[in-house]
Amino acid sequence: MTTYLELQVLGAGQTLRLAEMFRLLGEPNRLSLVYACLDEPRSVQTLAADIDISMSLASHHLRLLRSARLLRAERRGKQVFYVAADVHVQRVLRDMVEHSDEEDAP
């Protein structure tokens, strides 16, 4: 019997895209920004204040995360709000947080 995982083989292009997404998430400020946007849209100003970085640095990180399709932007008047791009991003981060909180199994 063949399992689902045995059927999955990543192509070179997909491997590069995934590696780039994980590289972006490897920077603590970017990871914090994505995590803060999992449940609801958040403004650049709020995000910058919450993780204690400048608005210009937050905007720079958010632009990179949006171009990697980890976040999506919503304009409301003069403000831009960011939210997780989709349920896949939400699941991956929540699962990784849960995994990191587990105690080491023998």
PDB file of N, CA and C in Angstrom:
ATOM      1  N   MET A   1       0.846  -1.177   0.000  1.00  0.00           N
ATOM      2  CA  MET A   1       0.000   0.000   0.000  1.00  0.00           C
ATOM      3  C   MET A   1       0.897   1.247   0.000  1.00  0.00           C
ATOM      4  N   THR A   2       0.631   2.159  -0.892  1.00  0.00           N
ATOM      5  CA  THR A   2       1.414   3.391  -1.001  1.00  0.00           C
ATOM      6  C   THR A   2       0.714   4.491  -0.215  1.00  0.00           C
ATOM      7  N   THR A   3       1.470   5.192   0.631  1.00  0.00           N
ATOM      8  CA  THR A   3       0.886   6.279   1.407  1.00  0.00           C
ATOM      9  C   THR A   3       0.976   7.575   0.626  1.00  0.00           C
ATOM     10  N   TYR A   4       0.229   8.554   1.066  1.00  0.00           N
ATOM     11  CA  TYR A   4       0.216   9.868   0.433  1.00  0.00           C
ATOM     12  C   TYR A   4       1.616  10.472   0.396  1.00  0.00           C
ATOM     13  N   LEU A   5       2.349  10.350   1.492  1.00  0.00           N
ATOM     14  CA  LEU A   5       3.684  10.949   1.557  1.00  0.00           C
ATOM     15  C   LEU A   5       4.651  10.300   0.574  1.00  0.00           C
ATOM     16  N   GLU A   6       4.489   9.022   0.324  1.00  0.00           N
ATOM     17  CA  GLU A   6       5.378   8.346  -0.619  1.00  0.00           C
ATOM     18  C   GLU A   6       5.164   8.837  -2.043  1.00  0.00           C
ATOM     19  N   LEU A   7       3.982   9.346  -2.337  1.00  0.00           N
ATOM     20  CA  LEU A   7       3.668   9.819  -3.676  1.00  0.00           C
ATOM     21  C   LEU A   7       4.175  11.238  -3.920  1.00  0.00           C
ATOM     22  N   GLN A   8       4.475  11.960  -2.869  1.00  0.00           N
ATOM     23  CA  GLN A   8       4.869  13.351  -2.998  1.00  0.00           C
ATOM     24  C   GLN A   8       6.371  13.497  -3.206  1.00  0.00           C
ATOM     25  N   VAL A   9       6.743  14.105  -4.300  1.00  0.00           N
ATOM     26  CA  VAL A   9       8.137  14.429  -4.575  1.00  0.00           C
ATOM     27  C   VAL A   9       8.161  15.893  -4.987  1.00  0.00           C
ATOM     28  N   LEU A  10       9.002  16.659  -4.343  1.00  0.00           N
ATOM     29  CA  LEU A  10       9.084  18.080  -4.657  1.00  0.00           C
ATOM     30  C   LEU A  10       9.957  18.301  -5.874  1.00  0.00           C
ATOM     31  N   GLY A  11       9.457  19.113  -6.782  1.00  0.00           N
ATOM     32  CA  GLY A  11      10.274  19.518  -7.914  1.00  0.00           C
ATOM     33  C   GLY A  11      11.254  20.589  -7.481  1.00  0.00           C
ATOM     34  N   ALA A  12      12.226  20.855  -8.330  1.00  0.00           N
ATOM     35  CA  ALA A  12      13.267  21.839  -7.993  1.00  0.00           C
ATOM     36  C   ALA A  12      12.674  23.218  -7.743  1.00  0.00           C
ATOM     37  N   GLY A  13      11.732  23.649  -8.579  1.00  0.00           N
ATOM     38  CA  GLY A  13      11.124  24.966  -8.408  1.00  0.00           C
ATOM     39  C   GLY A  13      10.349  25.077  -7.113  1.00  0.00           C
ATOM     40  N   GLN A  14       9.587  24.039  -6.802  1.00  0.00           N
ATOM     41  CA  GLN A  14       8.815  24.048  -5.559  1.00  0.00           C
ATOM     42  C   GLN A  14       9.742  24.032  -4.344  1.00  0.00           C
ATOM     43  N   THR A  15      10.811  23.272  -4.422  1.00  0.00           N
ATOM     44  CA  THR A  15      11.779  23.228  -3.328  1.00  0.00           C
ATOM     45  C   THR A  15      12.379  24.609  -3.083  1.00  0.00           C
ATOM     46  N   LEU A  16      12.723  25.307  -4.142  1.00  0.00           N
ATOM     47  CA  LEU A  16      13.294  26.654  -3.995  1.00  0.00           C
ATOM     48  C   LEU A  16      12.284  27.625  -3.395  1.00  0.00           C
ATOM     49  N   ARG A  17      11.030  27.566  -3.848  1.00  0.00           N
ATOM     50  CA  ARG A  17       9.992  28.456  -3.294  1.00  0.00           C
ATOM     51  C   ARG A  17       9.788  28.201  -1.807  1.00  0.00           C
ATOM     52  N   LEU A  18       9.706  26.937  -1.429  1.00  0.00           N
ATOM     53  CA  LEU A  18       9.517  26.597  -0.016  1.00  0.00           C
ATOM     54  C   LEU A  18      10.712  27.024   0.823  1.00  0.00           C
ATOM     55  N   ALA A  19      11.905  26.787   0.314  1.00  0.00           N
ATOM     56  CA  ALA A  19      13.118  27.184   1.045  1.00  0.00           C
ATOM     57  C   ALA A  19      13.133  28.688   1.261  1.00  0.00           C
ATOM     58  N   GLU A  20      12.717  29.451   0.262  1.00  0.00           N
ATOM     59  CA  GLU A  20      12.676  30.910   0.395  1.00  0.00           C
ATOM     60  C   GLU A  20      11.639  31.332   1.434  1.00  0.00           C
ATOM     61  N   MET A  21      10.484  30.681   1.458  1.00  0.00           N
ATOM     62  CA  MET A  21       9.467  31.011   2.466  1.00  0.00           C
ATOM     63  C   MET A  21       9.992  30.743   3.867  1.00  0.00           C
ATOM     64  N   PHE A  22      10.633  29.587   4.051  1.00  0.00           N
ATOM     65  CA  PHE A  22      11.166  29.266   5.374  1.00  0.00           C
ATOM     66  C   PHE A  22      12.338  30.173   5.733  1.00  0.00           C
ATOM     67  N   ARG A  23      13.129  30.573   4.760  1.00  0.00           N
ATOM     68  CA  ARG A  23      14.221  31.526   5.023  1.00  0.00           C
ATOM     69  C   ARG A  23      13.649  32.841   5.540  1.00  0.00           C
ATOM     70  N   LEU A  24      12.585  33.328   4.898  1.00  0.00           N
ATOM     71  CA  LEU A  24      11.960  34.570   5.345  1.00  0.00           C
ATOM     72  C   LEU A  24      11.426  34.433   6.767  1.00  0.00           C
ATOM     73  N   LEU A  25      10.838  33.292   7.076  1.00  0.00           N
ATOM     74  CA  LEU A  25      10.292  33.076   8.414  1.00  0.00           C
ATOM     75  C   LEU A  25      11.372  32.827   9.456  1.00  0.00           C
ATOM     76  N   GLY A  26      12.606  32.605   9.019  1.00  0.00           N
ATOM     77  CA  GLY A  26      13.710  32.386   9.941  1.00  0.00           C
ATOM     78  C   GLY A  26      14.194  33.658  10.625  1.00  0.00           C
ATOM     79  N   GLU A  27      13.741  34.798  10.150  1.00  0.00           N
ATOM     80  CA  GLU A  27      14.103  36.079  10.772  1.00  0.00           C
ATOM     81  C   GLU A  27      13.053  36.359  11.854  1.00  0.00           C
ATOM     82  N   PRO A  28      13.453  36.533  13.122  1.00  0.00           N
ATOM     83  CA  PRO A  28      12.485  36.642  14.219  1.00  0.00           C
ATOM     84  C   PRO A  28      11.420  37.729  14.047  1.00  0.00           C
ATOM     85  N   ASN A  29      11.786  38.905  13.541  1.00  0.00           N
ATOM     86  CA  ASN A  29      10.772  39.950  13.355  1.00  0.00           C
ATOM     87  C   ASN A  29       9.730  39.528  12.325  1.00  0.00           C
ATOM     88  N   ARG A  30      10.165  38.911  11.249  1.00  0.00           N
ATOM     89  CA  ARG A  30       9.216  38.471  10.217  1.00  0.00           C
ATOM     90  C   ARG A  30       8.297  37.384  10.750  1.00  0.00           C
ATOM     91  N   LEU A  31       8.874  36.445  11.489  1.00  0.00           N
ATOM     92  CA  LEU A  31       8.059  35.390  12.076  1.00  0.00           C
ATOM     93  C   LEU A  31       7.019  35.992  13.020  1.00  0.00           C
ATOM     94  N   SER A  32       7.423  36.953  13.825  1.00  0.00           N
ATOM     95  CA  SER A  32       6.490  37.624  14.740  1.00  0.00           C
ATOM     96  C   SER A  32       5.392  38.355  13.981  1.00  0.00           C
ATOM     97  N   LEU A  33       5.748  38.993  12.882  1.00  0.00           N
ATOM     98  CA  LEU A  33       4.750  39.710  12.082  1.00  0.00           C
ATOM     99  C   LEU A  33       3.713  38.751  11.499  1.00  0.00           C
ATOM    100  N   VAL A  34       4.164  37.658  10.941  1.00  0.00           N
ATOM    101  CA  VAL A  34       3.216  36.694  10.363  1.00  0.00           C
ATOM    102  C   VAL A  34       2.339  36.120  11.459  1.00  0.00           C
ATOM    103  N   TYR A  35       2.945  35.744  12.571  1.00  0.00           N
ATOM    104  CA  TYR A  35       2.158  35.163  13.658  1.00  0.00           C
ATOM    105  C   TYR A  35       1.108  36.146  14.181  1.00  0.00           C
ATOM    106  N   ALA A  36       1.452  37.413  14.248  1.00  0.00           N
ATOM    107  CA  ALA A  36       0.509  38.428  14.730  1.00  0.00           C
ATOM    108  C   ALA A  36      -0.675  38.616  13.780  1.00  0.00           C
ATOM    109  N   CYS A  37      -0.493  38.199  12.536  1.00  0.00           N
ATOM    110  CA  CYS A  37      -1.543  38.386  11.512  1.00  0.00           C
ATOM    111  C   CYS A  37      -2.360  37.128  11.246  1.00  0.00           C
ATOM    112  N   LEU A  38      -2.219  36.110  12.062  1.00  0.00           N
ATOM    113  CA  LEU A  38      -2.894  34.849  11.768  1.00  0.00           C
ATOM    114  C   LEU A  38      -4.413  34.941  11.847  1.00  0.00           C
ATOM    115  N   ASP A  39      -4.934  35.679  12.812  1.00  0.00           N
ATOM    116  CA  ASP A  39      -6.372  35.631  13.067  1.00  0.00           C
ATOM    117  C   ASP A  39      -7.171  36.802  12.527  1.00  0.00           C
ATOM    118  N   GLU A  40      -6.519  37.950  12.383  1.00  0.00           N
ATOM    119  CA  GLU A  40      -7.261  39.126  11.925  1.00  0.00           C
ATOM    120  C   GLU A  40      -6.307  40.108  11.263  1.00  0.00           C
ATOM    121  N   PRO A  41      -6.826  40.939  10.380  1.00  0.00           N
ATOM    122  CA  PRO A  41      -5.980  41.960   9.751  1.00  0.00           C
ATOM    123  C   PRO A  41      -5.450  42.937  10.792  1.00  0.00           C
ATOM    124  N   ARG A  42      -4.186  43.301  10.643  1.00  0.00           N
ATOM    125  CA  ARG A  42      -3.546  44.224  11.573  1.00  0.00           C
ATOM    126  C   ARG A  42      -2.855  45.314  10.782  1.00  0.00           C
ATOM    127  N   SER A  43      -2.920  46.536  11.269  1.00  0.00           N
ATOM    128  CA  SER A  43      -2.296  47.667  10.581  1.00  0.00           C
ATOM    129  C   SER A  43      -0.788  47.645  10.784  1.00  0.00           C
ATOM    130  N   VAL A  44      -0.086  48.288   9.867  1.00  0.00           N
ATOM    131  CA  VAL A  44       1.375  48.389   9.965  1.00  0.00           C
ATOM    132  C   VAL A  44       1.752  49.052  11.285  1.00  0.00           C
ATOM    133  N   GLN A  45       1.044  50.109  11.634  1.00  0.00           N
ATOM    134  CA  GLN A  45       1.334  50.845  12.872  1.00  0.00           C
ATOM    135  C   GLN A  45       1.194  49.933  14.090  1.00  0.00           C
ATOM    136  N   THR A  46       0.115  49.176  14.148  1.00  0.00           N
ATOM    137  CA  THR A  46      -0.112  48.267  15.279  1.00  0.00           C
ATOM    138  C   THR A  46       0.948  47.180  15.329  1.00  0.00           C
ATOM    139  N   LEU A  47       1.256  46.600  14.169  1.00  0.00           N
ATOM    140  CA  LEU A  47       2.263  45.542  14.115  1.00  0.00           C
ATOM    141  C   LEU A  47       3.623  46.054  14.578  1.00  0.00           C
ATOM    142  N   ALA A  48       4.012  47.214  14.087  1.00  0.00           N
ATOM    143  CA  ALA A  48       5.311  47.785  14.465  1.00  0.00           C
ATOM    144  C   ALA A  48       5.380  48.011  15.979  1.00  0.00           C
ATOM    145  N   ALA A  49       4.316  48.558  16.536  1.00  0.00           N
ATOM    146  CA  ALA A  49       4.289  48.816  17.974  1.00  0.00           C
ATOM    147  C   ALA A  49       4.313  47.514  18.768  1.00  0.00           C
ATOM    148  N   ASP A  50       3.556  46.519  18.313  1.00  0.00           N
ATOM    149  CA  ASP A  50       3.465  45.260  19.051  1.00  0.00           C
ATOM    150  C   ASP A  50       4.786  44.511  19.125  1.00  0.00           C
ATOM    151  N   ILE A  51       5.584  44.578  18.071  1.00  0.00           N
ATOM    152  CA  ILE A  51       6.859  43.843  18.127  1.00  0.00           C
ATOM    153  C   ILE A  51       8.051  44.775  18.322  1.00  0.00           C
ATOM    154  N   ASP A  52       7.749  46.035  18.581  1.00  0.00           N
ATOM    155  CA  ASP A  52       8.762  47.031  18.953  1.00  0.00           C
ATOM    156  C   ASP A  52       9.837  47.230  17.882  1.00  0.00           C
ATOM    157  N   ILE A  53       9.360  47.512  16.648  1.00  0.00           N
ATOM    158  CA  ILE A  53      10.266  47.897  15.571  1.00  0.00           C
ATOM    159  C   ILE A  53       9.704  49.151  14.908  1.00  0.00           C
ATOM    160  N   SER A  54      10.518  49.826  14.127  1.00  0.00           N
ATOM    161  CA  SER A  54      10.048  51.039  13.457  1.00  0.00           C
ATOM    162  C   SER A  54       9.034  50.677  12.369  1.00  0.00           C
ATOM    163  N   MET A  55       8.210  51.644  12.012  1.00  0.00           N
ATOM    164  CA  MET A  55       7.231  51.415  10.957  1.00  0.00           C
ATOM    165  C   MET A  55       7.914  51.149   9.623  1.00  0.00           C
ATOM    166  N   SER A  56       9.036  51.807   9.367  1.00  0.00           N
ATOM    167  CA  SER A  56       9.721  51.580   8.093  1.00  0.00           C
ATOM    168  C   SER A  56      10.287  50.165   8.029  1.00  0.00           C
ATOM    169  N   LEU A  57      10.838  49.666   9.145  1.00  0.00           N
ATOM    170  CA  LEU A  57      11.346  48.297   9.155  1.00  0.00           C
ATOM    171  C   LEU A  57      10.189  47.302   9.033  1.00  0.00           C
ATOM    172  N   ALA A  58       9.092  47.571   9.732  1.00  0.00           N
ATOM    173  CA  ALA A  58       7.912  46.704   9.621  1.00  0.00           C
ATOM    174  C   ALA A  58       7.423  46.669   8.180  1.00  0.00           C
ATOM    175  N   SER A  59       7.338  47.833   7.541  1.00  0.00           N
ATOM    176  CA  SER A  59       6.884  47.897   6.147  1.00  0.00           C
ATOM    177  C   SER A  59       7.792  47.104   5.219  1.00  0.00           C
ATOM    178  N   HIS A  60       9.092  47.200   5.455  1.00  0.00           N
ATOM    179  CA  HIS A  60      10.053  46.442   4.643  1.00  0.00           C
ATOM    180  C   HIS A  60       9.807  44.939   4.789  1.00  0.00           C
ATOM    181  N   HIS A  61       9.711  44.461   6.022  1.00  0.00           N
ATOM    182  CA  HIS A  61       9.467  43.040   6.264  1.00  0.00           C
ATOM    183  C   HIS A  61       8.119  42.603   5.678  1.00  0.00           C
ATOM    184  N   LEU A  62       7.099  43.419   5.866  1.00  0.00           N
ATOM    185  CA  LEU A  62       5.767  43.070   5.365  1.00  0.00           C
ATOM    186  C   LEU A  62       5.750  42.972   3.841  1.00  0.00           C
ATOM    187  N   ARG A  63       6.495  43.832   3.178  1.00  0.00           N
ATOM    188  CA  ARG A  63       6.573  43.775   1.712  1.00  0.00           C
ATOM    189  C   ARG A  63       7.177  42.447   1.268  1.00  0.00           C
ATOM    190  N   LEU A  64       8.237  42.009   1.942  1.00  0.00           N
ATOM    191  CA  LEU A  64       8.864  40.730   1.607  1.00  0.00           C
ATOM    192  C   LEU A  64       7.922  39.559   1.869  1.00  0.00           C
ATOM    193  N   LEU A  65       7.218  39.614   2.988  1.00  0.00           N
ATOM    194  CA  LEU A  65       6.290  38.541   3.333  1.00  0.00           C
ATOM    195  C   LEU A  65       5.104  38.492   2.371  1.00  0.00           C
ATOM    196  N   ARG A  66       4.669  39.653   1.936  1.00  0.00           N
ATOM    197  CA  ARG A  66       3.574  39.698   0.956  1.00  0.00           C
ATOM    198  C   ARG A  66       4.037  39.164  -0.393  1.00  0.00           C
ATOM    199  N   SER A  67       5.246  39.506  -0.804  1.00  0.00           N
ATOM    200  CA  SER A  67       5.730  39.027  -2.102  1.00  0.00           C
ATOM    201  C   SER A  67       5.952  37.513  -2.085  1.00  0.00           C
ATOM    202  N   ALA A  68       6.178  36.931  -0.916  1.00  0.00           N
ATOM    203  CA  ALA A  68       6.318  35.479  -0.787  1.00  0.00           C
ATOM    204  C   ALA A  68       4.963  34.793  -0.599  1.00  0.00           C
ATOM    205  N   ARG A  69       3.892  35.567  -0.625  1.00  0.00           N
ATOM    206  CA  ARG A  69       2.524  35.067  -0.472  1.00  0.00           C
ATOM    207  C   ARG A  69       2.265  34.450   0.907  1.00  0.00           C
ATOM    208  N   LEU A  70       2.963  34.948   1.919  1.00  0.00           N
ATOM    209  CA  LEU A  70       2.700  34.532   3.287  1.00  0.00           C
ATOM    210  C   LEU A  70       1.666  35.430   3.945  1.00  0.00           C
ATOM    211  N   LEU A  71       1.620  36.678   3.512  1.00  0.00           N
ATOM    212  CA  LEU A  71       0.627  37.648   3.983  1.00  0.00           C
ATOM    213  C   LEU A  71      -0.052  38.277   2.777  1.00  0.00           C
ATOM    214  N   ARG A  72      -1.242  38.798   3.007  1.00  0.00           N
ATOM    215  CA  ARG A  72      -1.890  39.611   1.979  1.00  0.00           C
ATOM    216  C   ARG A  72      -2.282  40.938   2.602  1.00  0.00           C
ATOM    217  N   ALA A  73      -2.323  41.953   1.760  1.00  0.00           N
ATOM    218  CA  ALA A  73      -2.597  43.314   2.236  1.00  0.00           C
ATOM    219  C   ALA A  73      -4.017  43.716   1.869  1.00  0.00           C
ATOM    220  N   GLU A  74      -4.619  44.505   2.749  1.00  0.00           N
ATOM    221  CA  GLU A  74      -5.939  45.071   2.519  1.00  0.00           C
ATOM    222  C   GLU A  74      -5.860  46.560   2.827  1.00  0.00           C
ATOM    223  N   ARG A  75      -6.191  47.381   1.870  1.00  0.00           N
ATOM    224  CA  ARG A  75      -6.167  48.825   2.088  1.00  0.00           C
ATOM    225  C   ARG A  75      -7.523  49.262   2.631  1.00  0.00           C
ATOM    226  N   ARG A  76      -7.479  50.057   3.697  1.00  0.00           N
ATOM    227  CA  ARG A  76      -8.678  50.653   4.298  1.00  0.00           C
ATOM    228  C   ARG A  76      -8.392  52.130   4.458  1.00  0.00           C
ATOM    229  N   GLY A  77      -8.879  52.912   3.509  1.00  0.00           N
ATOM    230  CA  GLY A  77      -8.579  54.333   3.512  1.00  0.00           C
ATOM    231  C   GLY A  77      -7.096  54.527   3.280  1.00  0.00           C
ATOM    232  N   LYS A  78      -6.441  55.229   4.207  1.00  0.00           N
ATOM    233  CA  LYS A  78      -5.010  55.489   4.073  1.00  0.00           C
ATOM    234  C   LYS A  78      -4.150  54.411   4.726  1.00  0.00           C
ATOM    235  N   GLN A  79      -4.770  53.504   5.462  1.00  0.00           N
ATOM    236  CA  GLN A  79      -4.004  52.479   6.171  1.00  0.00           C
ATOM    237  C   GLN A  79      -4.010  51.164   5.401  1.00  0.00           C
ATOM    238  N   VAL A  80      -2.924  50.414   5.576  1.00  0.00           N
ATOM    239  CA  VAL A  80      -2.822  49.079   4.996  1.00  0.00           C
ATOM    240  C   VAL A  80      -2.822  48.082   6.144  1.00  0.00           C
ATOM    241  N   PHE A  81      -3.652  47.064   6.009  1.00  0.00           N
ATOM    242  CA  PHE A  81      -3.757  46.005   7.001  1.00  0.00           C
ATOM    243  C   PHE A  81      -3.240  44.715   6.388  1.00  0.00           C
ATOM    244  N   TYR A  82      -2.597  43.908   7.208  1.00  0.00           N
ATOM    245  CA  TYR A  82      -2.038  42.640   6.744  1.00  0.00           C
ATOM    246  C   TYR A  82      -2.679  41.490   7.502  1.00  0.00           C
ATOM    247  N   VAL A  83      -2.873  40.392   6.779  1.00  0.00           N
ATOM    248  CA  VAL A  83      -3.453  39.183   7.361  1.00  0.00           C
ATOM    249  C   VAL A  83      -2.796  37.981   6.693  1.00  0.00           C
ATOM    250  N   ALA A  84      -2.803  36.845   7.384  1.00  0.00           N
ATOM    251  CA  ALA A  84      -2.231  35.625   6.809  1.00  0.00           C
ATOM    252  C   ALA A  84      -2.861  35.361   5.450  1.00  0.00           C
ATOM    253  N   ALA A  85      -2.049  34.937   4.504  1.00  0.00           N
ATOM    254  CA  ALA A  85      -2.505  34.781   3.130  1.00  0.00           C
ATOM    255  C   ALA A  85      -3.625  33.755   2.991  1.00  0.00           C
ATOM    256  N   ASP A  86      -3.566  32.681   3.764  1.00  0.00           N
ATOM    257  CA  ASP A  86      -4.609  31.659   3.665  1.00  0.00           C
ATOM    258  C   ASP A  86      -4.497  30.687   4.846  1.00  0.00           C
ATOM    259  N   VAL A  87      -5.371  29.696   4.846  1.00  0.00           N
ATOM    260  CA  VAL A  87      -5.386  28.737   5.956  1.00  0.00           C
ATOM    261  C   VAL A  87      -4.128  27.886   5.994  1.00  0.00           C
ATOM    262  N   HIS A  88      -3.460  27.713   4.874  1.00  0.00           N
ATOM    263  CA  HIS A  88      -2.223  26.927   4.872  1.00  0.00           C
ATOM    264  C   HIS A  88      -1.164  27.595   5.737  1.00  0.00           C
ATOM    265  N   VAL A  89      -1.009  28.887   5.580  1.00  0.00           N
ATOM    266  CA  VAL A  89      -0.034  29.635   6.381  1.00  0.00           C
ATOM    267  C   VAL A  89      -0.422  29.544   7.857  1.00  0.00           C
ATOM    268  N   GLN A  90      -1.706  29.704   8.135  1.00  0.00           N
ATOM    269  CA  GLN A  90      -2.172  29.616   9.520  1.00  0.00           C
ATOM    270  C   GLN A  90      -1.858  28.251  10.123  1.00  0.00           C
ATOM    271  N   ARG A  91      -2.171  27.199   9.388  1.00  0.00           N
ATOM    272  CA  ARG A  91      -1.944  25.839   9.900  1.00  0.00           C
ATOM    273  C   ARG A  91      -0.469  25.556  10.130  1.00  0.00           C
ATOM    274  N   VAL A  92       0.372  25.910   9.170  1.00  0.00           N
ATOM    275  CA  VAL A  92       1.801  25.632   9.301  1.00  0.00           C
ATOM    276  C   VAL A  92       2.357  26.314  10.547  1.00  0.00           C
ATOM    277  N   LEU A  93       2.053  27.596  10.731  1.00  0.00           N
ATOM    278  CA  LEU A  93       2.604  28.301  11.896  1.00  0.00           C
ATOM    279  C   LEU A  93       2.037  27.782  13.200  1.00  0.00           C
ATOM    280  N   ARG A  94       0.739  27.535  13.235  1.00  0.00           N
ATOM    281  CA  ARG A  94       0.153  27.005  14.471  1.00  0.00           C
ATOM    282  C   ARG A  94       0.730  25.631  14.804  1.00  0.00           C
ATOM    283  N   ASP A  95       0.886  24.796  13.794  1.00  0.00           N
ATOM    284  CA  ASP A  95       1.463  23.469  14.022  1.00  0.00           C
ATOM    285  C   ASP A  95       2.907  23.568  14.506  1.00  0.00           C
ATOM    286  N   MET A  96       3.675  24.491  13.936  1.00  0.00           N
ATOM    287  CA  MET A  96       5.070  24.642  14.358  1.00  0.00           C
ATOM    288  C   MET A  96       5.159  25.192  15.781  1.00  0.00           C
ATOM    289  N   VAL A  97       4.269  26.101  16.144  1.00  0.00           N
ATOM    290  CA  VAL A  97       4.252  26.614  17.522  1.00  0.00           C
ATOM    291  C   VAL A  97       3.918  25.478  18.476  1.00  0.00           C
ATOM    292  N   GLU A  98       2.908  24.687  18.133  1.00  0.00           N
ATOM    293  CA  GLU A  98       2.533  23.547  18.961  1.00  0.00           C
ATOM    294  C   GLU A  98       3.700  22.561  19.072  1.00  0.00           C
ATOM    295  N   HIS A  99       4.346  22.301  17.960  1.00  0.00           N
ATOM    296  CA  HIS A  99       5.488  21.385  17.943  1.00  0.00           C
ATOM    297  C   HIS A  99       6.618  21.921  18.832  1.00  0.00           C
ATOM    298  N   SER A 100       6.883  23.204  18.761  1.00  0.00           N
ATOM    299  CA  SER A 100       7.978  23.785  19.557  1.00  0.00           C
ATOM    300  C   SER A 100       7.656  23.766  21.061  1.00  0.00           C
ATOM    301  N   ASP A 101       6.358  23.731  21.388  1.00  0.00           N
ATOM    302  CA  ASP A 101       5.961  23.711  22.784  1.00  0.00           C
ATOM    303  C   ASP A 101       5.964  22.297  23.394  1.00  0.00           C
ATOM    304  N   GLU A 102       6.026  21.280  22.543  1.00  0.00           N
ATOM    305  CA  GLU A 102       6.039  19.913  23.049  1.00  0.00           C
ATOM    306  C   GLU A 102       7.369  19.629  23.738  1.00  0.00           C
ATOM    307  N   GLU A 103       7.290  18.833  24.756  1.00  0.00           N
ATOM    308  CA  GLU A 103       8.529  18.430  25.426  1.00  0.00           C
ATOM    309  C   GLU A 103       9.198  17.363  24.569  1.00  0.00           C
ATOM    310  N   ASP A 104      10.497  17.306  24.677  1.00  0.00           N
ATOM    311  CA  ASP A 104      11.238  16.293  23.925  1.00  0.00           C
ATOM    312  C   ASP A 104      10.780  14.906  24.330  1.00  0.00           C
ATOM    313  N   ALA A 105      10.411  14.108  23.341  1.00  0.00           N
ATOM    314  CA  ALA A 105      10.003  12.735  23.608  1.00  0.00           C
ATOM    315  C   ALA A 105      11.238  11.838  23.651  1.00  0.00           C
ATOM    316  N   PRO A 106      11.228  10.862  24.541  1.00  0.00           N
ATOM    317  CA  PRO A 106      12.398   9.967  24.628  1.00  0.00           C
ATOM    318  C   PRO A 106      12.567   9.143  23.369  1.00  0.00           C
TER     319      PRO A 106
END
